[in-house]
Amino acid sequence: AEGTSKGGPDLETILESGNYAPTFGMDEIKYLMKDLLRHTFFHLDEHNTGNIKEGYDKGNDFFEATLDKEVMVYTSGIYKTGKETLKQAQKYKLDFVADAVELKKGDNVLDIGCGWGRLARHFTDLGAKVTGV
C-alpha cells in the first residue's frame, strides 16, 4: 500500500499524519527558556510524566520508521565514514559498547532499561548471559 514500508507506515506518512508532536517547536523553546534551569536544580518525578509521553509514547510504527525496524537502537549509531546506512551505524555502536565493556563469552550482564532488547540480543549473540529489565 502507498505510504508503507516493511509492513508499516513510512517516515513521511508518519510525520505528515499529525499524530506525533513536533520534536522542536514553541513548546520546546519555552521549556528550554523557562524550565530547563529549574529542572536541573530541582528535578521532581512530576517532570518525567511529560517527558515520557514526548519521548517514548509514539508507538512502534514511529520508531521502526526512524530507527530501522530490524535493529531498533534508540540511542544513536557510529558512522565511521559517513557513508554507512543507519543499520550499519547502529551495528557499529553495538560493537563499540561490547568492546568498551570488554565483553567476553560467558559474562553475566544486567541490562536495565533494555527497551526492545537489541543490546541484550547483541551481547547474547557474542556469548554473554544477559538479563534485561
N, C-alpha and C. Protein backbone atom coordinates (compact mmCIF):
# COMPACT_ATOMS: atom_id res chain seq x y z
N ALA A 1 0.84 -1.19 0.00
CA ALA A 1 0.00 0.00 0.00
C ALA A 1 0.87 1.23 0.00
N GLU A 2 0.33 2.31 -0.55
CA GLU A 2 1.09 3.56 -0.60
C GLU A 2 1.35 4.06 0.82
N GLY A 3 2.53 4.62 1.03
CA GLY A 3 2.89 5.16 2.33
C GLY A 3 3.32 4.12 3.35
N THR A 4 3.63 2.93 2.89
CA THR A 4 4.07 1.91 3.83
C THR A 4 5.40 1.35 3.39
N SER A 5 6.14 0.86 4.35
CA SER A 5 7.38 0.15 4.09
C SER A 5 7.55 -0.89 5.18
N LYS A 6 8.02 -2.05 4.82
CA LYS A 6 8.25 -3.12 5.79
C LYS A 6 6.99 -3.41 6.60
N GLY A 7 5.81 -3.27 5.98
CA GLY A 7 4.58 -3.61 6.66
C GLY A 7 3.98 -2.49 7.49
N GLY A 8 4.64 -1.36 7.64
CA GLY A 8 4.10 -0.25 8.43
C GLY A 8 4.25 1.04 7.67
N PRO A 9 3.73 2.12 8.23
CA PRO A 9 3.84 3.41 7.53
C PRO A 9 5.29 3.85 7.40
N ASP A 10 5.58 4.59 6.33
CA ASP A 10 6.93 5.11 6.18
C ASP A 10 7.06 6.42 6.95
N LEU A 11 8.27 6.93 7.07
CA LEU A 11 8.55 8.11 7.88
C LEU A 11 7.75 9.31 7.41
N GLU A 12 7.68 9.55 6.10
CA GLU A 12 6.95 10.71 5.59
C GLU A 12 5.48 10.65 5.99
N THR A 13 4.87 9.49 5.87
CA THR A 13 3.47 9.32 6.25
C THR A 13 3.28 9.62 7.73
N ILE A 14 4.19 9.12 8.56
CA ILE A 14 4.10 9.36 10.00
C ILE A 14 4.21 10.84 10.30
N LEU A 15 5.20 11.52 9.71
CA LEU A 15 5.40 12.93 10.01
C LEU A 15 4.25 13.80 9.51
N GLU A 16 3.68 13.46 8.37
CA GLU A 16 2.59 14.24 7.81
C GLU A 16 1.25 13.93 8.46
N SER A 17 1.17 12.85 9.22
CA SER A 17 -0.11 12.44 9.81
C SER A 17 -0.59 13.39 10.90
N GLY A 18 0.32 14.10 11.54
CA GLY A 18 -0.06 14.96 12.64
C GLY A 18 -0.32 14.21 13.94
N ASN A 19 -0.04 12.91 13.96
CA ASN A 19 -0.28 12.11 15.17
C ASN A 19 0.82 12.25 16.21
N TYR A 20 1.93 12.86 15.84
CA TYR A 20 3.06 12.97 16.75
C TYR A 20 3.44 14.44 16.88
N ALA A 21 3.68 14.83 18.10
CA ALA A 21 4.06 16.23 18.35
C ALA A 21 5.42 16.52 17.71
N PRO A 22 5.66 17.75 17.30
CA PRO A 22 6.98 18.09 16.76
C PRO A 22 8.04 17.91 17.83
N THR A 23 9.23 17.54 17.41
CA THR A 23 10.29 17.33 18.39
C THR A 23 10.96 18.64 18.79
N PHE A 24 10.76 19.71 18.00
CA PHE A 24 11.30 21.00 18.39
C PHE A 24 10.41 22.10 17.83
N GLY A 25 9.68 22.74 18.70
CA GLY A 25 8.77 23.81 18.34
C GLY A 25 8.67 24.78 19.49
N MET A 26 7.58 25.52 19.55
CA MET A 26 7.42 26.53 20.59
C MET A 26 7.40 25.93 22.00
N ASP A 27 6.79 24.76 22.15
CA ASP A 27 6.79 24.14 23.47
C ASP A 27 8.20 23.82 23.93
N GLU A 28 9.02 23.34 23.02
CA GLU A 28 10.40 23.01 23.39
C GLU A 28 11.21 24.26 23.68
N ILE A 29 11.01 25.31 22.91
CA ILE A 29 11.72 26.58 23.17
C ILE A 29 11.30 27.12 24.54
N LYS A 30 10.01 27.10 24.83
CA LYS A 30 9.51 27.54 26.13
C LYS A 30 10.14 26.72 27.25
N TYR A 31 10.19 25.42 27.03
CA TYR A 31 10.80 24.54 28.03
C TYR A 31 12.26 24.93 28.28
N LEU A 32 13.00 25.13 27.22
CA LEU A 32 14.41 25.47 27.38
C LEU A 32 14.58 26.79 28.12
N MET A 33 13.78 27.77 27.77
CA MET A 33 13.94 29.10 28.36
C MET A 33 13.43 29.15 29.81
N LYS A 34 12.33 28.49 30.09
CA LYS A 34 11.68 28.63 31.39
C LYS A 34 12.02 27.51 32.37
N ASP A 35 12.04 26.28 31.89
CA ASP A 35 12.06 25.14 32.79
C ASP A 35 13.39 24.41 32.94
N LEU A 36 14.26 24.48 31.94
CA LEU A 36 15.46 23.66 31.97
C LEU A 36 16.31 23.93 33.21
N LEU A 37 16.56 25.18 33.50
CA LEU A 37 17.39 25.50 34.66
C LEU A 37 16.73 25.03 35.95
N ARG A 38 15.42 25.29 36.07
CA ARG A 38 14.69 24.86 37.26
C ARG A 38 14.74 23.34 37.40
N HIS A 39 14.55 22.62 36.29
CA HIS A 39 14.57 21.15 36.34
C HIS A 39 15.96 20.62 36.64
N THR A 40 16.96 21.35 36.25
CA THR A 40 18.33 20.92 36.51
C THR A 40 18.62 20.93 38.00
N PHE A 41 18.15 21.94 38.69
CA PHE A 41 18.45 22.07 40.11
C PHE A 41 17.39 21.45 41.02
N PHE A 42 16.15 21.36 40.55
CA PHE A 42 15.05 20.86 41.38
C PHE A 42 14.24 19.82 40.62
N HIS A 43 14.86 18.75 40.21
CA HIS A 43 14.17 17.73 39.41
C HIS A 43 13.21 16.92 40.29
N LEU A 44 11.96 16.87 39.85
CA LEU A 44 10.92 16.13 40.56
C LEU A 44 10.35 15.05 39.64
N ASP A 45 9.76 14.02 40.23
CA ASP A 45 9.16 12.95 39.44
C ASP A 45 8.07 13.47 38.51
N GLU A 46 7.34 14.52 38.91
CA GLU A 46 6.28 15.06 38.05
C GLU A 46 6.83 15.54 36.70
N HIS A 47 8.06 15.96 36.67
CA HIS A 47 8.66 16.41 35.42
C HIS A 47 8.76 15.28 34.40
N ASN A 48 8.91 14.06 34.88
CA ASN A 48 9.10 12.92 33.99
C ASN A 48 7.85 12.59 33.18
N THR A 49 6.66 12.87 33.71
CA THR A 49 5.41 12.50 33.05
C THR A 49 5.33 13.05 31.65
N GLY A 50 5.57 14.34 31.47
CA GLY A 50 5.52 14.95 30.14
C GLY A 50 6.65 14.47 29.25
N ASN A 51 7.81 14.26 29.83
CA ASN A 51 8.97 13.81 29.05
C ASN A 51 8.75 12.42 28.49
N ILE A 52 8.12 11.55 29.25
CA ILE A 52 7.89 10.18 28.78
C ILE A 52 6.96 10.18 27.58
N LYS A 53 5.87 10.93 27.65
CA LYS A 53 4.93 10.97 26.53
C LYS A 53 5.61 11.52 25.28
N GLU A 54 6.35 12.58 25.42
CA GLU A 54 7.01 13.20 24.26
C GLU A 54 8.08 12.31 23.66
N GLY A 55 8.85 11.65 24.51
CA GLY A 55 10.00 10.91 24.01
C GLY A 55 9.76 9.45 23.69
N TYR A 56 8.79 8.84 24.34
CA TYR A 56 8.66 7.39 24.23
C TYR A 56 7.31 6.89 23.76
N ASP A 57 6.23 7.60 24.04
CA ASP A 57 4.89 7.11 23.74
C ASP A 57 4.45 7.47 22.32
N LYS A 58 5.24 7.08 21.34
CA LYS A 58 4.93 7.41 19.96
C LYS A 58 4.51 6.20 19.15
N GLY A 59 4.61 5.04 19.71
CA GLY A 59 4.23 3.83 19.01
C GLY A 59 5.38 3.22 18.24
N ASN A 60 5.36 1.90 18.09
CA ASN A 60 6.43 1.20 17.40
C ASN A 60 6.53 1.60 15.93
N ASP A 61 5.41 2.00 15.30
CA ASP A 61 5.48 2.39 13.89
C ASP A 61 6.42 3.58 13.70
N PHE A 62 6.38 4.53 14.62
CA PHE A 62 7.28 5.69 14.55
C PHE A 62 8.73 5.25 14.68
N PHE A 63 9.01 4.44 15.70
CA PHE A 63 10.39 4.03 15.94
C PHE A 63 10.92 3.09 14.86
N GLU A 64 10.08 2.21 14.33
CA GLU A 64 10.50 1.33 13.24
C GLU A 64 10.88 2.15 12.01
N ALA A 65 10.15 3.22 11.74
CA ALA A 65 10.43 4.05 10.57
C ALA A 65 11.66 4.92 10.76
N THR A 66 11.97 5.28 11.99
CA THR A 66 13.09 6.19 12.22
C THR A 66 14.35 5.52 12.73
N LEU A 67 14.25 4.30 13.25
CA LEU A 67 15.41 3.64 13.86
C LEU A 67 15.89 2.41 13.11
N ASP A 68 15.23 2.01 12.07
CA ASP A 68 15.47 0.77 11.34
C ASP A 68 14.76 -0.35 12.09
N LYS A 69 13.75 -0.90 11.45
CA LYS A 69 12.88 -1.89 12.08
C LYS A 69 13.64 -3.08 12.65
N GLU A 70 14.67 -3.53 11.96
CA GLU A 70 15.39 -4.72 12.39
C GLU A 70 16.29 -4.46 13.59
N VAL A 71 16.95 -3.31 13.64
CA VAL A 71 17.93 -3.06 14.70
C VAL A 71 17.29 -2.36 15.91
N MET A 72 16.51 -1.32 15.69
CA MET A 72 15.78 -0.60 16.74
C MET A 72 16.69 -0.16 17.89
N VAL A 73 17.79 0.50 17.57
CA VAL A 73 18.68 1.06 18.59
C VAL A 73 18.27 2.51 18.78
N TYR A 74 17.76 2.82 19.96
CA TYR A 74 17.18 4.13 20.24
C TYR A 74 18.23 5.23 20.43
N THR A 75 19.42 4.88 20.85
CA THR A 75 20.36 5.89 21.35
C THR A 75 21.38 6.41 20.36
N SER A 76 21.43 5.97 19.13
CA SER A 76 22.36 6.53 18.14
C SER A 76 23.04 5.44 17.34
N GLY A 77 24.00 5.88 16.55
CA GLY A 77 24.85 4.97 15.81
C GLY A 77 26.22 5.58 15.70
N ILE A 78 27.16 4.82 15.18
CA ILE A 78 28.51 5.33 14.96
C ILE A 78 28.78 5.25 13.46
N TYR A 79 29.05 6.40 12.88
CA TYR A 79 29.34 6.49 11.45
C TYR A 79 30.84 6.62 11.28
N LYS A 80 31.48 5.55 10.85
CA LYS A 80 32.94 5.54 10.68
C LYS A 80 33.37 6.37 9.48
N THR A 81 32.63 6.31 8.39
CA THR A 81 33.00 7.02 7.17
C THR A 81 31.97 8.06 6.75
N GLY A 82 30.77 8.00 7.32
CA GLY A 82 29.69 8.89 6.92
C GLY A 82 28.87 8.34 5.78
N LYS A 83 29.25 7.19 5.26
CA LYS A 83 28.52 6.59 4.14
C LYS A 83 27.74 5.35 4.56
N GLU A 84 27.75 5.04 5.85
CA GLU A 84 27.07 3.86 6.34
C GLU A 84 25.56 4.06 6.31
N THR A 85 24.84 2.96 6.22
CA THR A 85 23.41 3.01 6.43
C THR A 85 23.15 3.16 7.92
N LEU A 86 21.92 3.52 8.26
CA LEU A 86 21.55 3.60 9.67
C LEU A 86 21.77 2.26 10.36
N LYS A 87 21.38 1.19 9.69
CA LYS A 87 21.55 -0.15 10.25
C LYS A 87 23.03 -0.45 10.54
N GLN A 88 23.92 -0.11 9.61
CA GLN A 88 25.36 -0.34 9.82
C GLN A 88 25.87 0.50 10.98
N ALA A 89 25.45 1.77 11.05
CA ALA A 89 25.91 2.65 12.13
C ALA A 89 25.44 2.14 13.48
N GLN A 90 24.22 1.62 13.53
CA GLN A 90 23.73 1.08 14.79
C GLN A 90 24.49 -0.19 15.18
N LYS A 91 24.83 -1.01 14.21
CA LYS A 91 25.62 -2.23 14.48
C LYS A 91 27.01 -1.84 15.00
N TYR A 92 27.64 -0.82 14.39
CA TYR A 92 28.94 -0.35 14.87
C TYR A 92 28.83 0.11 16.32
N LYS A 93 27.72 0.77 16.65
CA LYS A 93 27.54 1.25 18.01
C LYS A 93 27.44 0.09 18.99
N LEU A 94 26.67 -0.95 18.63
CA LEU A 94 26.56 -2.12 19.50
C LEU A 94 27.91 -2.80 19.69
N ASP A 95 28.68 -2.93 18.62
CA ASP A 95 30.03 -3.50 18.72
C ASP A 95 30.92 -2.63 19.61
N PHE A 96 30.80 -1.30 19.46
CA PHE A 96 31.60 -0.37 20.27
C PHE A 96 31.30 -0.56 21.76
N VAL A 97 30.03 -0.68 22.11
CA VAL A 97 29.65 -0.87 23.51
C VAL A 97 30.21 -2.19 24.04
N ALA A 98 30.09 -3.25 23.26
CA ALA A 98 30.64 -4.55 23.68
C ALA A 98 32.15 -4.45 23.90
N ASP A 99 32.84 -3.76 23.02
CA ASP A 99 34.29 -3.58 23.18
C ASP A 99 34.60 -2.71 24.40
N ALA A 100 33.80 -1.65 24.61
CA ALA A 100 34.05 -0.72 25.71
C ALA A 100 33.92 -1.40 27.07
N VAL A 101 32.99 -2.34 27.19
CA VAL A 101 32.83 -3.04 28.47
C VAL A 101 33.66 -4.32 28.52
N GLU A 102 34.48 -4.53 27.48
CA GLU A 102 35.34 -5.71 27.38
C GLU A 102 34.54 -7.00 27.56
N LEU A 103 33.43 -7.09 26.84
CA LEU A 103 32.54 -8.23 26.94
C LEU A 103 33.26 -9.50 26.48
N LYS A 104 33.10 -10.55 27.29
CA LYS A 104 33.68 -11.85 26.96
C LYS A 104 32.58 -12.91 26.99
N LYS A 105 32.77 -13.96 26.22
CA LYS A 105 31.85 -15.08 26.22
C LYS A 105 31.70 -15.59 27.65
N GLY A 106 30.44 -15.81 28.06
CA GLY A 106 30.16 -16.30 29.40
C GLY A 106 29.93 -15.21 30.44
N ASP A 107 30.20 -13.94 30.08
CA ASP A 107 29.94 -12.84 31.02
C ASP A 107 28.46 -12.77 31.37
N ASN A 108 28.16 -12.38 32.59
CA ASN A 108 26.79 -12.13 33.02
C ASN A 108 26.54 -10.63 32.93
N VAL A 109 25.43 -10.25 32.27
CA VAL A 109 25.13 -8.84 32.05
C VAL A 109 23.70 -8.56 32.50
N LEU A 110 23.51 -7.46 33.23
CA LEU A 110 22.19 -6.96 33.58
C LEU A 110 21.98 -5.68 32.80
N ASP A 111 21.02 -5.69 31.88
CA ASP A 111 20.71 -4.53 31.04
C ASP A 111 19.45 -3.86 31.58
N ILE A 112 19.62 -2.80 32.36
CA ILE A 112 18.50 -2.08 32.96
C ILE A 112 18.03 -1.02 31.97
N GLY A 113 16.75 -1.05 31.66
CA GLY A 113 16.20 -0.14 30.67
C GLY A 113 16.46 -0.66 29.27
N CYS A 114 16.25 -1.94 29.06
CA CYS A 114 16.69 -2.60 27.82
C CYS A 114 15.82 -2.30 26.60
N GLY A 115 14.70 -1.61 26.79
CA GLY A 115 13.87 -1.25 25.63
C GLY A 115 13.43 -2.46 24.84
N TRP A 116 13.74 -2.45 23.55
CA TRP A 116 13.37 -3.55 22.67
C TRP A 116 14.34 -4.74 22.80
N GLY A 117 15.37 -4.60 23.61
CA GLY A 117 16.27 -5.71 23.87
C GLY A 117 17.38 -5.90 22.84
N ARG A 118 17.63 -4.90 22.01
CA ARG A 118 18.62 -5.07 20.95
C ARG A 118 20.03 -5.23 21.49
N LEU A 119 20.42 -4.45 22.49
CA LEU A 119 21.76 -4.60 23.07
C LEU A 119 21.88 -5.96 23.75
N ALA A 120 20.84 -6.36 24.47
CA ALA A 120 20.86 -7.68 25.13
C ALA A 120 21.00 -8.78 24.09
N ARG A 121 20.29 -8.67 22.99
CA ARG A 121 20.38 -9.70 21.93
C ARG A 121 21.79 -9.71 21.32
N HIS A 122 22.36 -8.53 21.11
CA HIS A 122 23.71 -8.45 20.55
C HIS A 122 24.73 -9.10 21.49
N PHE A 123 24.63 -8.78 22.78
CA PHE A 123 25.54 -9.37 23.76
C PHE A 123 25.37 -10.88 23.82
N THR A 124 24.13 -11.35 23.74
CA THR A 124 23.86 -12.79 23.74
C THR A 124 24.49 -13.44 22.51
N ASP A 125 24.36 -12.78 21.36
CA ASP A 125 24.98 -13.29 20.14
C ASP A 125 26.50 -13.42 20.29
N LEU A 126 27.08 -12.60 21.16
CA LEU A 126 28.53 -12.64 21.40
C LEU A 126 28.89 -13.60 22.54
N GLY A 127 27.89 -14.31 23.08
CA GLY A 127 28.17 -15.35 24.06
C GLY A 127 27.94 -14.97 25.52
N ALA A 128 27.42 -13.76 25.77
CA ALA A 128 27.15 -13.37 27.15
C ALA A 128 25.80 -13.93 27.61
N LYS A 129 25.63 -13.98 28.92
CA LYS A 129 24.35 -14.35 29.53
C LYS A 129 23.72 -13.05 30.01
N VAL A 130 22.58 -12.68 29.38
CA VAL A 130 22.02 -11.35 29.59
C VAL A 130 20.63 -11.42 30.20
N THR A 131 20.38 -10.56 31.19
CA THR A 131 19.06 -10.35 31.74
C THR A 131 18.70 -8.90 31.47
N GLY A 132 17.57 -8.69 30.81
CA GLY A 132 17.11 -7.33 30.52
C GLY A 132 15.85 -6.99 31.29
N VAL A 133 15.82 -5.80 31.86
CA VAL A 133 14.62 -5.31 32.56
C VAL A 133 14.31 -3.90 32.10
